Amino acid sequence: MKKIITLCLFVFAMFIGNQSVVAQNTVPKNKIEINGIAAEKTEALRKFIKFSDEQRDRVYQAQREYTIASLNVNPQDASQKEQVKKIEDRLETKMKNILTEEQFSKYKEFPQD
């Protein structure tokens, strides 16, 4: 009987330990995904618009902030459509400040996902 109780406690402890390991792995993965999405969009824009390294860094930061903000809202939800619009407007304002007028007009032509 003692062996069965000990075995049950051991299995229970393994389940608890397993959950904490999984929780620790999910946080960095999200950061990596956000950085990856921002980097992909930045490089696609760089090929389409042709901007400088300084502009690339600023565009990357703007894309990263946009990605983080957009992950927290559901664009299909009618109550959050205004929030999505604000996030998109904020990105557009930042891009307008980063890019020249000619570059910004090309940015407006860039196919958005």
N, C-alpha and C. Protein backbone atom coordinates (compact mmCIF):
# COMPACT_ATOMS: atom_id res chain seq x y z
N MET A 1 0.82 -1.19 0.00
CA MET A 1 0.00 0.00 0.00
C MET A 1 0.87 1.26 0.00
N LYS A 2 1.96 1.21 0.80
CA LYS A 2 2.86 2.37 0.86
C LYS A 2 3.49 2.64 -0.51
N LYS A 3 3.79 1.56 -1.23
CA LYS A 3 4.41 1.72 -2.54
C LYS A 3 3.44 2.39 -3.52
N ILE A 4 2.18 2.04 -3.45
CA ILE A 4 1.18 2.63 -4.35
C ILE A 4 1.01 4.12 -4.04
N ILE A 5 0.94 4.46 -2.76
CA ILE A 5 0.81 5.86 -2.37
C ILE A 5 2.04 6.64 -2.79
N THR A 6 3.21 6.07 -2.58
CA THR A 6 4.46 6.73 -2.98
C THR A 6 4.50 6.92 -4.50
N LEU A 7 4.10 5.89 -5.22
CA LEU A 7 4.07 5.98 -6.67
C LEU A 7 3.10 7.06 -7.14
N CYS A 8 1.92 7.15 -6.53
CA CYS A 8 0.94 8.18 -6.87
C CYS A 8 1.48 9.58 -6.59
N LEU A 9 2.12 9.74 -5.45
CA LEU A 9 2.72 11.05 -5.12
C LEU A 9 3.82 11.42 -6.11
N PHE A 10 4.62 10.43 -6.52
CA PHE A 10 5.68 10.67 -7.48
C PHE A 10 5.10 11.11 -8.83
N VAL A 11 4.06 10.42 -9.30
CA VAL A 11 3.41 10.77 -10.56
C VAL A 11 2.78 12.16 -10.47
N PHE A 12 2.14 12.46 -9.36
CA PHE A 12 1.56 13.78 -9.15
C PHE A 12 2.63 14.87 -9.21
N ALA A 13 3.77 14.63 -8.57
CA ALA A 13 4.87 15.59 -8.58
C ALA A 13 5.41 15.78 -10.00
N MET A 14 5.43 14.72 -10.79
CA MET A 14 5.90 14.83 -12.18
C MET A 14 4.96 15.71 -13.00
N PHE A 15 3.65 15.55 -12.80
CA PHE A 15 2.69 16.38 -13.52
C PHE A 15 2.85 17.86 -13.16
N ILE A 16 3.04 18.14 -11.89
CA ILE A 16 3.22 19.53 -11.46
C ILE A 16 4.51 20.10 -12.05
N GLY A 17 5.57 19.35 -12.01
CA GLY A 17 6.85 19.79 -12.57
C GLY A 17 6.77 20.00 -14.07
N ASN A 18 6.04 19.16 -14.75
CA ASN A 18 5.88 19.26 -16.19
C ASN A 18 5.16 20.55 -16.58
N GLN A 19 4.15 20.95 -15.84
CA GLN A 19 3.39 22.16 -16.15
C GLN A 19 4.27 23.40 -16.00
N SER A 20 5.12 23.44 -15.00
CA SER A 20 5.98 24.61 -14.81
C SER A 20 7.02 24.70 -15.91
N VAL A 21 7.51 23.59 -16.41
CA VAL A 21 8.47 23.59 -17.51
C VAL A 21 7.80 24.10 -18.78
N VAL A 22 6.60 23.67 -19.05
CA VAL A 22 5.87 24.12 -20.24
C VAL A 22 5.60 25.61 -20.15
N ALA A 23 5.22 26.11 -19.00
CA ALA A 23 4.92 27.53 -18.83
C ALA A 23 6.17 28.37 -19.08
N GLN A 24 7.33 27.89 -18.70
CA GLN A 24 8.55 28.66 -18.91
C GLN A 24 8.94 28.71 -20.38
N ASN A 25 8.61 27.69 -21.14
CA ASN A 25 8.98 27.66 -22.54
C ASN A 25 8.08 28.52 -23.42
N THR A 26 6.87 28.83 -23.01
CA THR A 26 5.96 29.56 -23.88
C THR A 26 6.28 31.05 -23.97
N VAL A 27 6.81 31.65 -22.94
CA VAL A 27 7.05 33.09 -22.96
C VAL A 27 8.12 33.48 -23.97
N PRO A 28 9.31 32.89 -23.97
CA PRO A 28 10.30 33.30 -24.96
C PRO A 28 9.86 32.99 -26.39
N LYS A 29 9.10 31.94 -26.59
CA LYS A 29 8.65 31.60 -27.93
C LYS A 29 7.82 32.74 -28.52
N ASN A 30 6.96 33.35 -27.70
CA ASN A 30 6.15 34.46 -28.18
C ASN A 30 7.01 35.65 -28.57
N LYS A 31 8.04 35.93 -27.77
CA LYS A 31 8.95 37.03 -28.12
C LYS A 31 9.66 36.75 -29.43
N ILE A 32 10.08 35.51 -29.61
CA ILE A 32 10.77 35.14 -30.84
C ILE A 32 9.83 35.27 -32.02
N GLU A 33 8.59 34.85 -31.86
CA GLU A 33 7.62 34.96 -32.94
C GLU A 33 7.35 36.42 -33.29
N ILE A 34 7.20 37.26 -32.28
CA ILE A 34 6.95 38.69 -32.52
C ILE A 34 8.12 39.32 -33.26
N ASN A 35 9.34 39.03 -32.79
CA ASN A 35 10.53 39.58 -33.45
C ASN A 35 10.65 39.05 -34.88
N GLY A 36 10.30 37.79 -35.09
CA GLY A 36 10.37 37.21 -36.43
C GLY A 36 9.38 37.85 -37.38
N ILE A 37 8.17 38.06 -36.91
CA ILE A 37 7.14 38.70 -37.75
C ILE A 37 7.57 40.12 -38.11
N ALA A 38 8.06 40.86 -37.11
CA ALA A 38 8.51 42.23 -37.36
C ALA A 38 9.69 42.27 -38.32
N ALA A 39 10.61 41.33 -38.18
CA ALA A 39 11.78 41.29 -39.07
C ALA A 39 11.36 40.95 -40.50
N GLU A 40 10.43 40.00 -40.66
CA GLU A 40 9.97 39.64 -42.00
C GLU A 40 9.29 40.82 -42.69
N LYS A 41 8.43 41.53 -41.97
CA LYS A 41 7.74 42.67 -42.56
C LYS A 41 8.72 43.78 -42.90
N THR A 42 9.71 43.99 -42.02
CA THR A 42 10.70 45.02 -42.27
C THR A 42 11.52 44.71 -43.51
N GLU A 43 11.95 43.47 -43.66
CA GLU A 43 12.75 43.10 -44.83
C GLU A 43 11.92 43.16 -46.10
N ALA A 44 10.66 42.77 -46.03
CA ALA A 44 9.80 42.87 -47.21
C ALA A 44 9.62 44.34 -47.61
N LEU A 45 9.43 45.20 -46.62
CA LEU A 45 9.32 46.64 -46.91
C LEU A 45 10.62 47.19 -47.46
N ARG A 46 11.75 46.73 -46.92
CA ARG A 46 13.04 47.23 -47.38
C ARG A 46 13.27 46.87 -48.84
N LYS A 47 12.88 45.68 -49.24
CA LYS A 47 13.02 45.29 -50.65
C LYS A 47 12.09 46.10 -51.54
N PHE A 48 10.92 46.42 -51.04
CA PHE A 48 9.92 47.15 -51.82
C PHE A 48 10.22 48.64 -51.89
N ILE A 49 10.71 49.21 -50.78
CA ILE A 49 10.87 50.67 -50.69
C ILE A 49 12.33 51.12 -50.84
N LYS A 50 13.27 50.31 -50.39
CA LYS A 50 14.71 50.66 -50.42
C LYS A 50 15.01 51.84 -49.49
N PHE A 51 15.09 51.57 -48.19
CA PHE A 51 15.44 52.62 -47.23
C PHE A 51 16.75 52.32 -46.53
N SER A 52 17.27 53.30 -45.79
CA SER A 52 18.58 53.21 -45.16
C SER A 52 18.56 52.28 -43.94
N ASP A 53 19.76 52.01 -43.41
CA ASP A 53 19.88 51.14 -42.23
C ASP A 53 19.23 51.77 -41.00
N GLU A 54 19.38 53.08 -40.86
CA GLU A 54 18.76 53.78 -39.72
C GLU A 54 17.23 53.68 -39.83
N GLN A 55 16.72 53.90 -41.02
CA GLN A 55 15.28 53.79 -41.23
C GLN A 55 14.83 52.34 -40.99
N ARG A 56 15.65 51.38 -41.39
CA ARG A 56 15.30 49.98 -41.18
C ARG A 56 15.12 49.68 -39.70
N ASP A 57 16.03 50.18 -38.86
CA ASP A 57 15.92 49.95 -37.42
C ASP A 57 14.65 50.57 -36.85
N ARG A 58 14.34 51.78 -37.31
CA ARG A 58 13.13 52.45 -36.82
C ARG A 58 11.86 51.77 -37.33
N VAL A 59 11.89 51.31 -38.57
CA VAL A 59 10.74 50.59 -39.13
C VAL A 59 10.54 49.28 -38.37
N TYR A 60 11.65 48.60 -38.06
CA TYR A 60 11.56 47.35 -37.30
C TYR A 60 10.89 47.59 -35.94
N GLN A 61 11.30 48.65 -35.24
CA GLN A 61 10.70 48.95 -33.94
C GLN A 61 9.21 49.26 -34.08
N ALA A 62 8.85 50.00 -35.12
CA ALA A 62 7.44 50.33 -35.34
C ALA A 62 6.64 49.07 -35.65
N GLN A 63 7.20 48.20 -36.48
CA GLN A 63 6.52 46.95 -36.82
C GLN A 63 6.40 46.04 -35.60
N ARG A 64 7.41 46.03 -34.76
CA ARG A 64 7.40 45.21 -33.55
C ARG A 64 6.30 45.70 -32.59
N GLU A 65 6.22 47.01 -32.40
CA GLU A 65 5.18 47.57 -31.53
C GLU A 65 3.79 47.29 -32.10
N TYR A 66 3.65 47.40 -33.42
CA TYR A 66 2.37 47.11 -34.07
C TYR A 66 1.98 45.64 -33.87
N THR A 67 2.95 44.74 -34.03
CA THR A 67 2.68 43.32 -33.88
C THR A 67 2.26 42.99 -32.46
N ILE A 68 2.94 43.55 -31.48
CA ILE A 68 2.59 43.31 -30.08
C ILE A 68 1.18 43.82 -29.79
N ALA A 69 0.89 45.02 -30.26
CA ALA A 69 -0.43 45.60 -30.00
C ALA A 69 -1.53 44.83 -30.72
N SER A 70 -1.26 44.38 -31.94
CA SER A 70 -2.31 43.71 -32.71
C SER A 70 -2.57 42.28 -32.22
N LEU A 71 -1.62 41.67 -31.53
CA LEU A 71 -1.85 40.33 -30.99
C LEU A 71 -2.87 40.34 -29.85
N ASN A 72 -3.04 41.47 -29.22
CA ASN A 72 -3.94 41.57 -28.07
C ASN A 72 -5.39 41.87 -28.45
N VAL A 73 -5.66 42.11 -29.74
CA VAL A 73 -7.03 42.42 -30.15
C VAL A 73 -7.49 41.44 -31.22
N ASN A 74 -8.79 41.28 -31.32
CA ASN A 74 -9.40 40.41 -32.32
C ASN A 74 -10.07 41.29 -33.36
N PRO A 75 -9.56 41.34 -34.58
CA PRO A 75 -10.15 42.23 -35.59
C PRO A 75 -11.56 41.82 -36.01
N GLN A 76 -11.95 40.60 -35.75
CA GLN A 76 -13.29 40.13 -36.11
C GLN A 76 -14.35 40.59 -35.12
N ASP A 77 -13.92 40.95 -33.90
CA ASP A 77 -14.85 41.39 -32.87
C ASP A 77 -15.28 42.83 -33.15
N ALA A 78 -16.58 43.06 -33.26
CA ALA A 78 -17.09 44.39 -33.61
C ALA A 78 -16.72 45.44 -32.57
N SER A 79 -16.66 45.05 -31.30
CA SER A 79 -16.35 46.01 -30.25
C SER A 79 -14.88 46.43 -30.28
N GLN A 80 -14.03 45.65 -30.94
CA GLN A 80 -12.60 45.98 -30.97
C GLN A 80 -12.15 46.57 -32.31
N LYS A 81 -13.08 46.79 -33.21
CA LYS A 81 -12.71 47.36 -34.51
C LYS A 81 -12.10 48.75 -34.37
N GLU A 82 -12.60 49.52 -33.42
CA GLU A 82 -12.05 50.86 -33.18
C GLU A 82 -10.62 50.75 -32.65
N GLN A 83 -10.37 49.78 -31.79
CA GLN A 83 -9.03 49.56 -31.26
C GLN A 83 -8.06 49.18 -32.39
N VAL A 84 -8.51 48.32 -33.29
CA VAL A 84 -7.68 47.92 -34.43
C VAL A 84 -7.36 49.14 -35.29
N LYS A 85 -8.35 49.98 -35.51
CA LYS A 85 -8.15 51.20 -36.31
C LYS A 85 -7.12 52.12 -35.67
N LYS A 86 -7.18 52.26 -34.35
CA LYS A 86 -6.21 53.11 -33.63
C LYS A 86 -4.80 52.55 -33.78
N ILE A 87 -4.66 51.23 -33.68
CA ILE A 87 -3.34 50.60 -33.81
C ILE A 87 -2.79 50.82 -35.21
N GLU A 88 -3.64 50.65 -36.22
CA GLU A 88 -3.20 50.85 -37.60
C GLU A 88 -2.85 52.31 -37.87
N ASP A 89 -3.63 53.23 -37.31
CA ASP A 89 -3.33 54.66 -37.47
C ASP A 89 -2.01 55.02 -36.81
N ARG A 90 -1.75 54.44 -35.65
CA ARG A 90 -0.48 54.70 -34.95
C ARG A 90 0.70 54.22 -35.77
N LEU A 91 0.57 53.02 -36.39
CA LEU A 91 1.64 52.51 -37.25
C LEU A 91 1.84 53.43 -38.45
N GLU A 92 0.75 53.86 -39.06
CA GLU A 92 0.85 54.73 -40.23
C GLU A 92 1.52 56.06 -39.88
N THR A 93 1.18 56.62 -38.72
CA THR A 93 1.81 57.87 -38.28
C THR A 93 3.31 57.68 -38.07
N LYS A 94 3.69 56.58 -37.44
CA LYS A 94 5.11 56.31 -37.22
C LYS A 94 5.85 56.13 -38.54
N MET A 95 5.22 55.41 -39.46
CA MET A 95 5.87 55.19 -40.76
C MET A 95 6.00 56.50 -41.53
N LYS A 96 5.02 57.37 -41.39
CA LYS A 96 5.07 58.68 -42.06
C LYS A 96 6.23 59.51 -41.50
N ASN A 97 6.49 59.40 -40.19
CA ASN A 97 7.59 60.13 -39.57
C ASN A 97 8.95 59.54 -39.94
N ILE A 98 9.01 58.24 -40.18
CA ILE A 98 10.27 57.57 -40.48
C ILE A 98 10.67 57.74 -41.94
N LEU A 99 9.72 57.57 -42.84
CA LEU A 99 10.01 57.55 -44.27
C LEU A 99 9.88 58.94 -44.90
N THR A 100 10.54 59.11 -46.04
CA THR A 100 10.37 60.34 -46.80
C THR A 100 9.01 60.30 -47.50
N GLU A 101 8.60 61.41 -48.09
CA GLU A 101 7.29 61.46 -48.76
C GLU A 101 7.21 60.44 -49.89
N GLU A 102 8.28 60.34 -50.67
CA GLU A 102 8.30 59.39 -51.78
C GLU A 102 8.23 57.95 -51.27
N GLN A 103 9.02 57.67 -50.25
CA GLN A 103 9.00 56.33 -49.65
C GLN A 103 7.64 56.01 -49.04
N PHE A 104 7.04 57.01 -48.40
CA PHE A 104 5.74 56.79 -47.77
C PHE A 104 4.66 56.51 -48.81
N SER A 105 4.73 57.19 -49.95
CA SER A 105 3.74 56.91 -51.00
C SER A 105 3.90 55.48 -51.53
N LYS A 106 5.16 54.99 -51.61
CA LYS A 106 5.37 53.59 -51.99
C LYS A 106 4.88 52.65 -50.89
N TYR A 107 5.06 53.06 -49.65
CA TYR A 107 4.58 52.26 -48.52
C TYR A 107 3.06 52.07 -48.58
N LYS A 108 2.35 53.12 -48.98
CA LYS A 108 0.89 53.05 -49.10
C LYS A 108 0.49 52.03 -50.19
N GLU A 109 1.36 51.83 -51.19
CA GLU A 109 1.08 50.87 -52.26
C GLU A 109 1.44 49.44 -51.86
N PHE A 110 2.21 49.28 -50.79
CA PHE A 110 2.65 47.97 -50.35
C PHE A 110 1.45 47.11 -49.93
N PRO A 111 1.36 45.89 -50.44
CA PRO A 111 0.22 45.03 -50.08
C PRO A 111 0.29 44.62 -48.61
N GLN A 112 -0.73 45.01 -47.84
CA GLN A 112 -0.79 44.67 -46.43
C GLN A 112 -1.47 43.33 -46.26
N ASP A 113 -1.05 42.58 -45.23
CA ASP A 113 -1.64 41.25 -44.96
C ASP A 113 -3.01 41.41 -44.37
